[in-house]
N, C-alpha and C. Protein backbone atom coordinates (compact mmCIF):
# COMPACT_ATOMS: atom_id res chain seq x y z
N ALA A 1 0.84 -1.19 0.00
CA ALA A 1 0.00 0.00 0.00
C ALA A 1 0.88 1.24 0.00
N ASP A 2 0.33 2.31 -0.49
CA ASP A 2 1.03 3.58 -0.58
C ASP A 2 0.09 4.66 -0.05
N LEU A 3 0.65 5.76 0.41
CA LEU A 3 -0.13 6.86 0.95
C LEU A 3 0.29 8.17 0.31
N GLU A 4 -0.66 9.08 0.14
CA GLU A 4 -0.38 10.43 -0.34
C GLU A 4 -1.24 11.40 0.46
N ALA A 5 -0.67 12.52 0.85
CA ALA A 5 -1.42 13.55 1.58
C ALA A 5 -1.80 14.66 0.61
N GLY A 6 -3.09 15.02 0.59
CA GLY A 6 -3.57 16.09 -0.27
C GLY A 6 -3.38 17.46 0.37
N ALA A 7 -3.34 18.50 -0.45
CA ALA A 7 -3.18 19.88 0.05
C ALA A 7 -4.35 20.28 0.94
N ASP A 8 -5.49 19.64 0.76
CA ASP A 8 -6.69 19.97 1.55
C ASP A 8 -6.75 19.19 2.86
N GLY A 9 -5.72 18.39 3.15
CA GLY A 9 -5.70 17.60 4.37
C GLY A 9 -6.23 16.19 4.19
N SER A 10 -6.65 15.85 2.99
CA SER A 10 -7.15 14.50 2.74
C SER A 10 -5.97 13.52 2.71
N LEU A 11 -6.29 12.26 2.93
CA LEU A 11 -5.30 11.20 2.86
C LEU A 11 -5.78 10.20 1.81
N TRP A 12 -4.92 9.91 0.85
CA TRP A 12 -5.21 8.95 -0.21
C TRP A 12 -4.48 7.66 0.13
N VAL A 13 -5.18 6.53 0.04
CA VAL A 13 -4.64 5.24 0.44
C VAL A 13 -4.77 4.26 -0.72
N ALA A 14 -3.64 3.64 -1.09
CA ALA A 14 -3.64 2.57 -2.09
C ALA A 14 -3.83 1.26 -1.35
N THR A 15 -4.73 0.40 -1.84
CA THR A 15 -4.95 -0.89 -1.20
C THR A 15 -4.77 -2.02 -2.21
N ASP A 16 -4.48 -3.18 -1.70
CA ASP A 16 -4.33 -4.36 -2.54
C ASP A 16 -5.63 -5.16 -2.50
N GLY A 17 -6.59 -4.72 -3.29
CA GLY A 17 -7.88 -5.39 -3.37
C GLY A 17 -9.06 -4.44 -3.22
N GLY A 18 -8.84 -3.32 -2.57
CA GLY A 18 -9.93 -2.36 -2.34
C GLY A 18 -9.81 -1.08 -3.14
N GLY A 19 -8.84 -1.02 -4.06
CA GLY A 19 -8.68 0.17 -4.89
C GLY A 19 -8.07 1.33 -4.13
N VAL A 20 -8.55 2.54 -4.45
CA VAL A 20 -8.07 3.75 -3.82
C VAL A 20 -9.14 4.25 -2.86
N VAL A 21 -8.70 4.59 -1.66
CA VAL A 21 -9.60 5.10 -0.63
C VAL A 21 -9.10 6.49 -0.23
N ARG A 22 -10.04 7.42 -0.01
CA ARG A 22 -9.70 8.77 0.41
C ARG A 22 -10.31 9.04 1.79
N ARG A 23 -9.50 9.58 2.68
CA ARG A 23 -10.00 10.00 3.99
C ARG A 23 -10.38 11.47 3.90
N ASN A 24 -11.67 11.75 4.14
CA ASN A 24 -12.19 13.10 4.10
C ASN A 24 -11.68 13.86 5.33
N PRO A 25 -10.98 14.99 5.14
CA PRO A 25 -10.41 15.69 6.29
C PRO A 25 -11.46 16.34 7.20
N ALA A 26 -12.60 16.68 6.66
CA ALA A 26 -13.65 17.33 7.46
C ALA A 26 -14.40 16.35 8.34
N SER A 27 -14.77 15.22 7.77
CA SER A 27 -15.59 14.25 8.52
C SER A 27 -14.79 13.10 9.12
N GLY A 28 -13.60 12.85 8.57
CA GLY A 28 -12.81 11.70 9.00
C GLY A 28 -13.27 10.40 8.37
N ALA A 29 -14.30 10.48 7.54
CA ALA A 29 -14.85 9.28 6.88
C ALA A 29 -13.95 8.85 5.72
N TYR A 30 -13.94 7.55 5.47
CA TYR A 30 -13.20 6.98 4.34
C TYR A 30 -14.17 6.68 3.22
N GLU A 31 -13.80 7.06 2.02
CA GLU A 31 -14.66 6.83 0.85
C GLU A 31 -13.82 6.22 -0.26
N ARG A 32 -14.38 5.25 -0.94
CA ARG A 32 -13.69 4.61 -2.06
C ARG A 32 -13.81 5.50 -3.30
N VAL A 33 -12.71 5.66 -3.99
CA VAL A 33 -12.70 6.43 -5.24
C VAL A 33 -13.20 5.51 -6.34
N GLY A 34 -14.12 5.97 -7.14
CA GLY A 34 -14.81 5.14 -8.12
C GLY A 34 -14.02 4.75 -9.34
N LEU A 35 -12.96 3.99 -9.16
CA LEU A 35 -12.20 3.44 -10.28
C LEU A 35 -12.31 1.93 -10.21
N ALA A 36 -13.42 1.40 -10.66
CA ALA A 36 -13.75 -0.01 -10.48
C ALA A 36 -12.69 -0.96 -11.04
N SER A 37 -12.02 -0.57 -12.11
CA SER A 37 -11.05 -1.47 -12.73
C SER A 37 -9.70 -1.46 -12.00
N MET A 38 -9.53 -0.59 -11.04
CA MET A 38 -8.27 -0.48 -10.31
C MET A 38 -8.46 -0.96 -8.88
N ARG A 39 -8.45 -2.26 -8.67
CA ARG A 39 -8.65 -2.83 -7.33
C ARG A 39 -7.32 -3.04 -6.60
N ARG A 40 -6.30 -3.47 -7.32
CA ARG A 40 -5.01 -3.80 -6.70
C ARG A 40 -4.02 -2.69 -7.05
N VAL A 41 -3.88 -1.75 -6.12
CA VAL A 41 -3.08 -0.54 -6.35
C VAL A 41 -1.75 -0.65 -5.63
N ARG A 42 -0.67 -0.37 -6.35
CA ARG A 42 0.67 -0.47 -5.79
C ARG A 42 1.25 0.88 -5.36
N ALA A 43 0.93 1.94 -6.10
CA ALA A 43 1.53 3.24 -5.79
C ALA A 43 0.59 4.37 -6.19
N LEU A 44 0.74 5.49 -5.50
CA LEU A 44 -0.03 6.71 -5.78
C LEU A 44 0.93 7.89 -5.85
N ARG A 45 0.55 8.91 -6.63
CA ARG A 45 1.31 10.14 -6.63
C ARG A 45 0.37 11.30 -6.94
N LEU A 46 0.31 12.27 -6.05
CA LEU A 46 -0.41 13.52 -6.32
C LEU A 46 0.57 14.47 -6.98
N ASP A 47 0.24 14.95 -8.17
CA ASP A 47 1.15 15.86 -8.86
C ASP A 47 0.88 17.30 -8.42
N ARG A 48 1.70 18.22 -8.93
CA ARG A 48 1.59 19.62 -8.50
C ARG A 48 0.28 20.27 -8.94
N ALA A 49 -0.42 19.67 -9.90
CA ALA A 49 -1.73 20.19 -10.34
C ALA A 49 -2.88 19.59 -9.53
N GLY A 50 -2.55 18.66 -8.61
CA GLY A 50 -3.58 18.05 -7.78
C GLY A 50 -4.18 16.78 -8.35
N ARG A 51 -3.66 16.31 -9.51
CA ARG A 51 -4.15 15.06 -10.09
C ARG A 51 -3.51 13.89 -9.36
N LEU A 52 -4.27 12.82 -9.19
CA LEU A 52 -3.79 11.61 -8.55
C LEU A 52 -3.45 10.59 -9.63
N TRP A 53 -2.19 10.17 -9.68
CA TRP A 53 -1.73 9.15 -10.62
C TRP A 53 -1.72 7.83 -9.87
N ILE A 54 -2.23 6.77 -10.50
CA ILE A 54 -2.47 5.51 -9.82
C ILE A 54 -1.77 4.37 -10.58
N ALA A 55 -0.90 3.64 -9.86
CA ALA A 55 -0.21 2.48 -10.43
C ALA A 55 -0.79 1.22 -9.83
N GLY A 56 -1.26 0.33 -10.69
CA GLY A 56 -1.85 -0.91 -10.22
C GLY A 56 -1.32 -2.12 -10.96
N ARG A 57 -1.86 -3.27 -10.59
CA ARG A 57 -1.42 -4.53 -11.19
C ARG A 57 -1.89 -4.68 -12.62
N GLU A 58 -2.96 -4.00 -12.98
CA GLU A 58 -3.48 -4.08 -14.34
C GLU A 58 -4.25 -2.79 -14.61
N GLY A 59 -4.61 -2.56 -15.83
CA GLY A 59 -5.47 -1.43 -16.14
C GLY A 59 -4.76 -0.16 -16.56
N GLY A 60 -3.44 -0.20 -16.71
CA GLY A 60 -2.75 0.99 -17.16
C GLY A 60 -2.57 2.02 -16.07
N LEU A 61 -2.48 3.28 -16.48
CA LEU A 61 -2.18 4.39 -15.59
C LEU A 61 -3.31 5.40 -15.61
N PRO A 62 -4.21 5.37 -14.63
CA PRO A 62 -5.23 6.41 -14.55
C PRO A 62 -4.66 7.67 -13.90
N SER A 63 -5.08 8.81 -14.42
CA SER A 63 -4.82 10.10 -13.81
C SER A 63 -6.19 10.65 -13.42
N PHE A 64 -6.40 10.84 -12.11
CA PHE A 64 -7.70 11.21 -11.56
C PHE A 64 -7.65 12.63 -11.04
N ASP A 65 -8.58 13.47 -11.50
CA ASP A 65 -8.68 14.85 -11.01
C ASP A 65 -9.78 14.88 -9.95
N PRO A 66 -9.42 15.01 -8.67
CA PRO A 66 -10.43 15.00 -7.60
C PRO A 66 -11.44 16.14 -7.71
N ALA A 67 -11.04 17.28 -8.26
CA ALA A 67 -11.94 18.43 -8.36
C ALA A 67 -13.07 18.19 -9.36
N THR A 68 -12.75 17.56 -10.50
CA THR A 68 -13.76 17.33 -11.54
C THR A 68 -14.24 15.89 -11.57
N ARG A 69 -13.54 15.00 -10.85
CA ARG A 69 -13.80 13.55 -10.85
C ARG A 69 -13.53 12.93 -12.23
N ARG A 70 -12.80 13.63 -13.06
CA ARG A 70 -12.46 13.15 -14.41
C ARG A 70 -11.24 12.22 -14.35
N VAL A 71 -11.31 11.14 -15.12
CA VAL A 71 -10.22 10.18 -15.20
C VAL A 71 -9.71 10.13 -16.64
N VAL A 72 -8.39 10.23 -16.79
CA VAL A 72 -7.74 10.00 -18.07
C VAL A 72 -6.86 8.78 -17.87
N ARG A 73 -6.99 7.79 -18.75
CA ARG A 73 -6.25 6.54 -18.57
C ARG A 73 -5.26 6.35 -19.71
N TYR A 74 -4.03 6.02 -19.34
CA TYR A 74 -2.97 5.74 -20.30
C TYR A 74 -2.70 4.24 -20.23
N ARG A 75 -2.62 3.59 -21.41
CA ARG A 75 -2.47 2.14 -21.48
C ARG A 75 -1.36 1.74 -22.43
N HIS A 76 -0.92 0.51 -22.26
CA HIS A 76 0.04 -0.10 -23.17
C HIS A 76 -0.66 -0.50 -24.46
N ALA A 77 0.00 -0.25 -25.57
CA ALA A 77 -0.44 -0.77 -26.88
C ALA A 77 0.80 -1.34 -27.56
N ALA A 78 0.76 -2.61 -27.88
CA ALA A 78 1.93 -3.31 -28.42
C ALA A 78 2.49 -2.66 -29.68
N ASP A 79 1.63 -2.09 -30.50
CA ASP A 79 2.08 -1.52 -31.77
C ASP A 79 2.38 -0.03 -31.68
N ASP A 80 2.41 0.55 -30.48
CA ASP A 80 2.63 1.99 -30.32
C ASP A 80 3.69 2.24 -29.25
N THR A 81 4.86 2.71 -29.67
CA THR A 81 5.95 2.96 -28.72
C THR A 81 5.74 4.21 -27.88
N ASN A 82 4.70 4.98 -28.17
CA ASN A 82 4.37 6.15 -27.36
C ASN A 82 3.29 5.81 -26.33
N THR A 83 3.38 4.58 -25.80
CA THR A 83 2.48 4.12 -24.74
C THR A 83 3.33 3.48 -23.64
N LEU A 84 2.69 3.10 -22.58
CA LEU A 84 3.38 2.41 -21.50
C LEU A 84 3.99 1.10 -22.00
N PRO A 85 5.13 0.67 -21.44
CA PRO A 85 5.70 -0.62 -21.80
C PRO A 85 4.83 -1.80 -21.36
N SER A 86 3.99 -1.58 -20.34
CA SER A 86 3.13 -2.63 -19.79
C SER A 86 2.00 -1.95 -19.02
N ASN A 87 0.91 -2.66 -18.81
CA ASN A 87 -0.19 -2.14 -17.99
C ASN A 87 -0.05 -2.51 -16.52
N SER A 88 0.98 -3.29 -16.18
CA SER A 88 1.24 -3.65 -14.79
C SER A 88 2.31 -2.69 -14.25
N LEU A 89 1.92 -1.83 -13.33
CA LEU A 89 2.77 -0.73 -12.87
C LEU A 89 3.21 -0.94 -11.43
N PHE A 90 4.38 -0.40 -11.10
CA PHE A 90 4.93 -0.54 -9.76
C PHE A 90 5.25 0.78 -9.08
N ALA A 91 5.68 1.78 -9.82
CA ALA A 91 6.17 3.00 -9.19
C ALA A 91 5.80 4.23 -10.02
N ILE A 92 5.63 5.35 -9.32
CA ILE A 92 5.33 6.64 -9.97
C ILE A 92 6.16 7.72 -9.28
N LEU A 93 6.73 8.61 -10.09
CA LEU A 93 7.51 9.72 -9.58
C LEU A 93 7.19 10.97 -10.38
N GLU A 94 6.97 12.09 -9.71
CA GLU A 94 6.90 13.38 -10.42
C GLU A 94 8.24 14.07 -10.20
N ASP A 95 8.92 14.42 -11.29
CA ASP A 95 10.22 15.06 -11.15
C ASP A 95 10.07 16.58 -11.02
N ARG A 96 11.17 17.26 -10.85
CA ARG A 96 11.15 18.71 -10.62
C ARG A 96 10.62 19.52 -11.80
N ARG A 97 10.60 18.93 -13.00
CA ARG A 97 10.03 19.60 -14.17
C ARG A 97 8.54 19.36 -14.31
N GLY A 98 7.99 18.45 -13.50
CA GLY A 98 6.58 18.12 -13.60
C GLY A 98 6.29 16.91 -14.45
N ASP A 99 7.33 16.27 -14.99
CA ASP A 99 7.14 15.03 -15.74
C ASP A 99 6.85 13.89 -14.77
N ILE A 100 6.06 12.93 -15.23
CA ILE A 100 5.70 11.77 -14.42
C ILE A 100 6.45 10.56 -14.95
N TRP A 101 7.22 9.90 -14.08
CA TRP A 101 7.98 8.70 -14.42
C TRP A 101 7.21 7.50 -13.91
N ILE A 102 7.13 6.45 -14.73
CA ILE A 102 6.34 5.27 -14.39
C ILE A 102 7.21 4.03 -14.52
N GLY A 103 7.29 3.26 -13.44
CA GLY A 103 8.01 1.99 -13.45
C GLY A 103 7.00 0.87 -13.69
N THR A 104 7.27 0.05 -14.70
CA THR A 104 6.35 -1.04 -15.06
C THR A 104 7.08 -2.38 -14.99
N GLU A 105 6.33 -3.46 -15.18
CA GLU A 105 6.95 -4.79 -15.17
C GLU A 105 7.82 -5.03 -16.40
N LYS A 106 7.74 -4.14 -17.39
CA LYS A 106 8.53 -4.31 -18.61
C LYS A 106 9.30 -3.06 -18.99
N GLY A 107 9.65 -2.24 -18.01
CA GLY A 107 10.47 -1.09 -18.32
C GLY A 107 9.98 0.21 -17.72
N LEU A 108 10.51 1.29 -18.26
CA LEU A 108 10.31 2.63 -17.74
C LEU A 108 9.65 3.52 -18.78
N ALA A 109 8.77 4.40 -18.33
CA ALA A 109 8.14 5.37 -19.21
C ALA A 109 8.14 6.73 -18.52
N ARG A 110 8.00 7.78 -19.32
CA ARG A 110 7.90 9.14 -18.79
C ARG A 110 6.76 9.84 -19.48
N PHE A 111 5.85 10.42 -18.69
CA PHE A 111 4.79 11.25 -19.25
C PHE A 111 5.32 12.66 -19.30
N ASP A 112 5.52 13.17 -20.51
CA ASP A 112 6.05 14.51 -20.71
C ASP A 112 4.95 15.53 -20.45
N ALA A 113 5.10 16.31 -19.39
CA ALA A 113 4.06 17.25 -18.98
C ALA A 113 3.84 18.35 -20.03
N ALA A 114 4.90 18.76 -20.71
CA ALA A 114 4.78 19.84 -21.70
C ALA A 114 4.00 19.40 -22.93
N SER A 115 4.32 18.22 -23.46
CA SER A 115 3.66 17.74 -24.69
C SER A 115 2.43 16.89 -24.39
N ARG A 116 2.25 16.47 -23.12
CA ARG A 116 1.15 15.59 -22.71
C ARG A 116 1.21 14.25 -23.44
N ARG A 117 2.45 13.74 -23.65
CA ARG A 117 2.65 12.47 -24.36
C ARG A 117 3.46 11.51 -23.50
N MET A 118 3.20 10.24 -23.70
CA MET A 118 3.94 9.19 -23.03
C MET A 118 5.17 8.85 -23.88
N VAL A 119 6.32 8.67 -23.21
CA VAL A 119 7.57 8.34 -23.89
C VAL A 119 8.18 7.14 -23.18
N ARG A 120 8.49 6.10 -23.92
CA ARG A 120 9.19 4.96 -23.32
C ARG A 120 10.66 5.33 -23.20
N VAL A 121 11.26 4.95 -22.08
CA VAL A 121 12.66 5.23 -21.83
C VAL A 121 13.42 3.91 -21.94
N GLU A 122 14.32 3.84 -22.92
CA GLU A 122 15.09 2.62 -23.12
C GLU A 122 16.24 2.57 -22.13
N ILE A 123 16.34 1.48 -21.40
CA ILE A 123 17.42 1.27 -20.45
C ILE A 123 18.51 0.48 -21.17
N PRO A 124 19.71 1.05 -21.29
CA PRO A 124 20.77 0.36 -22.04
C PRO A 124 21.04 -1.04 -21.51
N GLY A 125 21.08 -1.99 -22.42
CA GLY A 125 21.40 -3.37 -22.07
C GLY A 125 20.31 -4.13 -21.35
N ALA A 126 19.14 -3.55 -21.22
CA ALA A 126 18.07 -4.22 -20.49
C ALA A 126 16.74 -4.03 -21.21
N ARG A 127 16.14 -5.12 -21.61
CA ARG A 127 14.81 -5.08 -22.21
C ARG A 127 13.84 -5.74 -21.25
N ASN A 128 12.67 -5.17 -21.14
CA ASN A 128 11.61 -5.72 -20.30
C ASN A 128 12.03 -5.87 -18.83
N VAL A 129 12.81 -4.93 -18.33
CA VAL A 129 13.23 -4.98 -16.93
C VAL A 129 12.11 -4.45 -16.03
N LEU A 130 11.88 -5.14 -14.92
CA LEU A 130 10.84 -4.73 -13.97
C LEU A 130 11.38 -3.58 -13.12
N VAL A 131 10.75 -2.41 -13.25
CA VAL A 131 11.15 -1.23 -12.49
C VAL A 131 10.28 -1.15 -11.24
N ARG A 132 10.90 -1.35 -10.10
CA ARG A 132 10.18 -1.48 -8.83
C ARG A 132 10.01 -0.17 -8.08
N THR A 133 11.02 0.72 -8.16
CA THR A 133 10.96 1.96 -7.40
C THR A 133 11.73 3.07 -8.12
N LEU A 134 11.33 4.32 -7.86
CA LEU A 134 11.92 5.49 -8.51
C LEU A 134 12.16 6.59 -7.49
N LEU A 135 13.25 7.33 -7.67
CA LEU A 135 13.57 8.45 -6.80
C LEU A 135 14.34 9.49 -7.58
N GLU A 136 14.04 10.77 -7.35
CA GLU A 136 14.84 11.85 -7.93
C GLU A 136 15.74 12.40 -6.84
N ASP A 137 17.05 12.51 -7.13
CA ASP A 137 17.97 13.03 -6.12
C ASP A 137 18.11 14.55 -6.23
N HIS A 138 18.95 15.13 -5.38
CA HIS A 138 19.12 16.58 -5.30
C HIS A 138 19.66 17.19 -6.59
N ALA A 139 20.32 16.39 -7.41
CA ALA A 139 20.88 16.88 -8.68
C ALA A 139 19.93 16.67 -9.86
N GLY A 140 18.74 16.14 -9.60
CA GLY A 140 17.77 15.92 -10.68
C GLY A 140 17.94 14.60 -11.40
N ARG A 141 18.83 13.74 -10.91
CA ARG A 141 19.00 12.42 -11.52
C ARG A 141 17.92 11.49 -11.00
N ILE A 142 17.53 10.55 -11.85
CA ILE A 142 16.49 9.57 -11.50
C ILE A 142 17.17 8.25 -11.14
N TRP A 143 16.89 7.76 -9.93
CA TRP A 143 17.38 6.46 -9.47
C TRP A 143 16.28 5.45 -9.73
N ILE A 144 16.65 4.32 -10.33
CA ILE A 144 15.70 3.32 -10.79
C ILE A 144 16.06 1.99 -10.12
N GLY A 145 15.18 1.54 -9.25
CA GLY A 145 15.40 0.27 -8.57
C GLY A 145 14.71 -0.84 -9.33
N THR A 146 15.46 -1.88 -9.67
CA THR A 146 14.93 -3.04 -10.38
C THR A 146 15.25 -4.29 -9.56
N TYR A 147 14.68 -5.43 -9.96
CA TYR A 147 15.01 -6.68 -9.28
C TYR A 147 16.43 -7.13 -9.59
N SER A 148 17.03 -6.59 -10.64
CA SER A 148 18.38 -7.01 -10.98
C SER A 148 19.44 -5.98 -10.62
N GLY A 149 19.05 -4.87 -10.02
CA GLY A 149 20.04 -3.88 -9.64
C GLY A 149 19.48 -2.47 -9.55
N LEU A 150 20.37 -1.54 -9.43
CA LEU A 150 20.04 -0.13 -9.27
C LEU A 150 20.67 0.65 -10.41
N LEU A 151 19.89 1.51 -11.03
CA LEU A 151 20.38 2.33 -12.14
C LEU A 151 20.20 3.79 -11.78
N ARG A 152 21.06 4.63 -12.34
CA ARG A 152 20.91 6.07 -12.20
C ARG A 152 20.92 6.68 -13.59
N PHE A 153 19.96 7.57 -13.83
CA PHE A 153 19.78 8.18 -15.15
C PHE A 153 19.70 9.69 -14.99
N ASP A 154 20.41 10.41 -15.84
CA ASP A 154 20.34 11.86 -15.83
C ASP A 154 19.48 12.30 -17.02
N PRO A 155 18.27 12.83 -16.78
CA PRO A 155 17.38 13.21 -17.88
C PRO A 155 17.96 14.31 -18.79
N ARG A 156 18.93 15.07 -18.28
CA ARG A 156 19.55 16.12 -19.11
C ARG A 156 20.56 15.57 -20.08
N ASP A 157 21.04 14.33 -19.82
CA ASP A 157 22.04 13.69 -20.68
C ASP A 157 21.64 12.23 -20.85
N ILE A 158 20.93 11.94 -21.94
CA ILE A 158 20.38 10.60 -22.12
C ILE A 158 21.45 9.52 -22.22
N ASN A 159 22.71 9.92 -22.39
CA ASN A 159 23.80 8.94 -22.48
C ASN A 159 24.43 8.65 -21.12
N GLU A 160 24.03 9.36 -20.07
CA GLU A 160 24.63 9.13 -18.75
C GLU A 160 23.78 8.17 -17.94
N TRP A 161 24.26 6.95 -17.86
CA TRP A 161 23.62 5.90 -17.05
C TRP A 161 24.65 5.32 -16.11
N LEU A 162 24.28 5.07 -14.89
CA LEU A 162 25.13 4.36 -13.95
C LEU A 162 24.42 3.07 -13.60
N ASP A 163 25.10 1.96 -13.81
CA ASP A 163 24.52 0.65 -13.52
C ASP A 163 25.24 0.05 -12.32
N THR A 164 24.52 -0.15 -11.24
CA THR A 164 25.09 -0.78 -10.06
C THR A 164 24.35 -2.10 -9.87
N SER A 165 24.70 -3.06 -10.66
CA SER A 165 23.97 -4.32 -10.70
C SER A 165 24.09 -5.14 -9.44
N ARG A 166 25.11 -4.90 -8.67
CA ARG A 166 25.30 -5.70 -7.46
C ARG A 166 25.19 -4.82 -6.24
N VAL A 167 24.56 -5.31 -5.21
CA VAL A 167 24.38 -4.54 -3.97
C VAL A 167 25.73 -4.12 -3.39
N GLU A 168 26.75 -4.98 -3.48
CA GLU A 168 28.07 -4.65 -2.95
C GLU A 168 28.61 -3.38 -3.61
N ALA A 169 28.35 -3.22 -4.91
CA ALA A 169 28.82 -2.03 -5.62
C ALA A 169 28.11 -0.78 -5.11
N VAL A 170 26.83 -0.89 -4.81
CA VAL A 170 26.09 0.25 -4.27
C VAL A 170 26.67 0.63 -2.91
N ARG A 171 26.87 -0.35 -2.05
CA ARG A 171 27.39 -0.09 -0.71
C ARG A 171 28.78 0.53 -0.79
N ALA A 172 29.64 0.01 -1.65
CA ALA A 172 31.01 0.51 -1.78
C ALA A 172 31.02 1.95 -2.27
N SER A 173 30.21 2.30 -3.25
CA SER A 173 30.20 3.66 -3.77
C SER A 173 29.62 4.62 -2.75
N TYR A 174 28.67 4.17 -1.96
CA TYR A 174 28.09 5.02 -0.93
C TYR A 174 29.10 5.30 0.18
N ASP A 175 29.88 4.29 0.56
CA ASP A 175 30.85 4.43 1.63
C ASP A 175 32.01 5.36 1.27
N ARG A 176 32.27 5.57 -0.02
CA ARG A 176 33.37 6.43 -0.45
C ARG A 176 33.02 7.90 -0.40
N ARG A 177 31.80 8.26 -0.22
CA ARG A 177 31.40 9.68 -0.23
C ARG A 177 31.97 10.43 0.91
């Protein structure tokens, strides 16, 4: 399960089987968000515009606007490289530019906030890698946790990748700082 706090004091809760639940800050009551196809939710992210991005086991990537109750859903299409690599999602990150990064069971994607388009991000030497977690560091680099290792990507330089495939390598580089 994942949690997100709204600017209005609400609490958004991802559940494994119950979908997305919102705690109303005024009443304290919990209400299910009406996304029937999203029952098994792995991650949530409220972006700077107040939209809730939802990563689940199936169903693609819904973007939910709590103010209008409008849902826009992004899905994988095998014949379109401008879609998600998979509909099974694990992680969501909003970076400092407002782009949304999505970790899937078959790779990484980025929703470009300026163009409103999905872009698949090719990870050098790895096809269909399961991206489990994402983090942006103080320098704007994206850290990508996979089942086979840890990667670091600099969005300003698409050729700069750091591959730390073994945990010992991560520990050693951290200890040298």
